[in-house]
């Protein structure tokens, strides 16, 4: 399959298996973006397994950082759940404390999304995926491009 057609249907990850990871897994729209310093195997995930980031996720991030930073919050940029460039910086998704608390406090909502067939959020240039054995990724070795 041509790379352009792959980009239309899949997001790409290079590293540990999304099925076995203990942390969120970041994917990029462009497979070229994950080349270079990232080691490990490459994985594809169909975009139809992703949902646009719901507004409640952004609202949660703002509330979380307001509580964490207190009066200092006013001096910071608004937290981004849809990063400008997921490969260079995943913004809030790079903060393990945020991710942990987000999962703990929103597990029921995230599991409802999982029950509907969605394993993560589609960002403007990739995806944020919550790991699990049910993440339907395809290892690159099984899908030659």
Protein backbone atom coordinates (compact mmCIF):
# COMPACT_ATOMS: atom_id res chain seq x y z
CA UNK A 1 0.00 0.00 0.00
CA UNK A 2 1.28 3.50 -0.80
CA UNK A 3 2.43 5.63 2.12
CA UNK A 4 -0.14 8.37 1.38
CA UNK A 5 -2.96 5.86 1.61
CA UNK A 6 -1.53 4.53 4.89
CA UNK A 7 -1.45 8.05 6.31
CA UNK A 8 -5.15 8.43 5.54
CA UNK A 9 -6.11 5.30 7.49
CA UNK A 10 -3.50 4.81 10.23
CA UNK A 11 -1.43 6.50 12.92
CA UNK A 12 2.09 5.26 13.67
CA UNK A 13 4.08 4.44 16.81
CA UNK A 14 7.65 3.27 17.27
CA UNK A 15 8.74 1.78 20.57
CA UNK A 16 7.28 -0.72 22.98
CA UNK A 17 4.07 -2.57 22.23
CA UNK A 18 0.92 -0.56 22.96
CA UNK A 19 -0.60 -3.81 24.21
CA UNK A 20 2.04 -4.21 26.92
CA UNK A 21 2.91 -0.61 27.82
CA UNK A 22 2.25 0.65 31.33
CA UNK A 23 1.94 4.26 30.11
CA UNK A 24 -0.04 6.10 27.47
CA UNK A 25 1.23 5.55 23.96
CA UNK A 26 1.71 8.39 21.49
CA UNK A 27 1.18 7.93 17.77
CA UNK A 28 1.99 10.24 14.86
CA UNK A 29 0.08 10.76 11.62
CA UNK A 30 3.32 10.71 9.66
CA UNK A 31 5.49 7.57 9.85
CA UNK A 32 8.54 9.66 8.93
CA UNK A 33 8.08 11.64 12.17
CA UNK A 34 8.77 8.57 14.31
CA UNK A 35 12.04 7.68 12.58
CA UNK A 36 15.37 8.60 14.10
CA UNK A 37 16.04 8.40 17.81
CA UNK A 38 13.06 6.22 18.64
CA UNK A 39 13.96 2.57 19.03
CA UNK A 40 11.83 -0.52 19.00
CA UNK A 41 9.23 -1.89 16.68
CA UNK A 42 6.82 0.16 14.57
CA UNK A 43 3.06 -0.22 15.00
CA UNK A 44 0.04 0.95 13.06
CA UNK A 45 -3.37 1.75 14.54
CA UNK A 46 -6.45 2.40 12.42
CA UNK A 47 -7.80 5.93 12.83
CA UNK A 48 -11.34 4.59 13.13
CA UNK A 49 -10.32 3.30 16.58
CA UNK A 50 -9.85 6.90 17.75
CA UNK A 51 -12.28 9.59 18.84
CA UNK A 52 -11.81 13.36 18.64
CA UNK A 53 -10.72 14.74 22.00
CA UNK A 54 -13.92 15.52 23.94
CA UNK A 55 -14.27 19.01 25.44
CA UNK A 56 -14.45 17.52 28.94
CA UNK A 57 -10.81 16.38 28.58
CA UNK A 58 -9.63 19.97 27.99
CA UNK A 59 -11.81 21.17 30.87
CA UNK A 60 -10.32 18.50 33.12
CA UNK A 61 -6.76 19.56 32.19
CA UNK A 62 -7.48 23.21 32.95
CA UNK A 63 -9.03 22.35 36.31
CA UNK A 64 -6.15 20.01 37.18
CA UNK A 65 -3.44 22.59 36.47
CA UNK A 66 -5.36 25.39 38.21
CA UNK A 67 -5.42 23.22 41.34
CA UNK A 68 -1.77 22.13 40.96
CA UNK A 69 -0.36 25.59 40.25
CA UNK A 70 -2.70 27.72 42.35
CA UNK A 71 -2.05 31.45 41.85
CA UNK A 72 0.84 30.66 39.50
CA UNK A 73 -1.62 29.27 36.92
CA UNK A 74 -2.32 32.76 35.56
CA UNK A 75 1.30 33.00 34.35
CA UNK A 76 1.19 29.80 32.32
CA UNK A 77 -0.25 29.06 28.90
CA UNK A 78 -3.47 27.12 28.91
CA UNK A 79 -2.68 23.38 29.03
CA UNK A 80 -3.06 21.57 25.72
CA UNK A 81 -4.68 18.17 25.37
CA UNK A 82 -4.22 18.51 21.60
CA UNK A 83 -0.50 19.28 21.27
CA UNK A 84 0.87 21.31 18.36
CA UNK A 85 3.40 18.61 17.47
CA UNK A 86 2.94 15.32 19.30
CA UNK A 87 6.42 14.06 18.40
CA UNK A 88 8.23 17.12 19.78
CA UNK A 89 6.02 17.64 22.83
CA UNK A 90 2.85 15.92 23.89
CA UNK A 91 2.12 18.75 26.36
CA UNK A 92 -0.14 17.46 29.18
CA UNK A 93 0.35 13.86 28.00
CA UNK A 94 4.08 14.16 28.84
CA UNK A 95 3.20 14.83 32.50
CA UNK A 96 3.02 11.44 34.27
CA UNK A 97 1.24 12.91 37.32
CA UNK A 98 -1.44 14.45 35.11
CA UNK A 99 -1.90 11.22 33.14
CA UNK A 100 -2.12 9.12 36.29
CA UNK A 101 -4.70 11.37 37.92
CA UNK A 102 -6.60 11.75 34.65
CA UNK A 103 -6.90 7.96 34.38
CA UNK A 104 -7.84 7.51 38.05
CA UNK A 105 -10.54 10.17 38.00
CA UNK A 106 -11.93 9.41 34.54
CA UNK A 107 -11.55 5.64 34.26
CA UNK A 108 -15.30 5.06 33.97
CA UNK A 109 -15.61 7.49 31.03
CA UNK A 110 -12.53 6.06 29.33
CA UNK A 111 -13.85 2.52 29.72
CA UNK A 112 -17.18 3.60 28.19
CA UNK A 113 -15.24 4.86 25.16
CA UNK A 114 -13.35 1.55 25.08
CA UNK A 115 -16.68 -0.32 25.10
CA UNK A 116 -17.68 1.70 22.01
CA UNK A 117 -14.49 0.61 20.23
CA UNK A 118 -12.34 3.70 20.84
CA UNK A 119 -8.88 3.14 22.33
CA UNK A 120 -7.65 6.71 22.32
CA UNK A 121 -7.97 10.32 21.29
CA UNK A 122 -7.15 11.64 17.83
CA UNK A 123 -4.96 14.74 18.01
CA UNK A 124 -4.30 17.20 15.21
CA UNK A 125 -1.18 15.27 14.15
CA UNK A 126 -1.39 11.89 15.85
CA UNK A 127 -3.05 10.15 18.76
CA UNK A 128 -2.96 9.53 22.49
CA UNK A 129 -3.79 5.90 23.25
CA UNK A 130 -4.41 4.25 26.58
CA UNK A 131 -2.62 0.89 26.53
CA UNK A 132 -4.18 -2.52 26.93
CA UNK A 133 -4.26 -5.98 25.44
CA UNK A 134 -7.29 -4.94 23.38
CA UNK A 135 -5.50 -2.13 21.48
CA UNK A 136 -5.81 -3.36 17.87
CA UNK A 137 -2.37 -2.40 16.60
CA UNK A 138 -0.59 -4.03 13.71
CA UNK A 139 3.17 -4.54 14.02
CA UNK A 140 4.99 -3.13 11.00
CA UNK A 141 6.64 -6.51 10.36
CA UNK A 142 3.15 -7.87 9.61
CA UNK A 143 2.22 -4.92 7.42
CA UNK A 144 5.03 -4.08 5.06
CA UNK A 145 5.05 -0.54 3.74
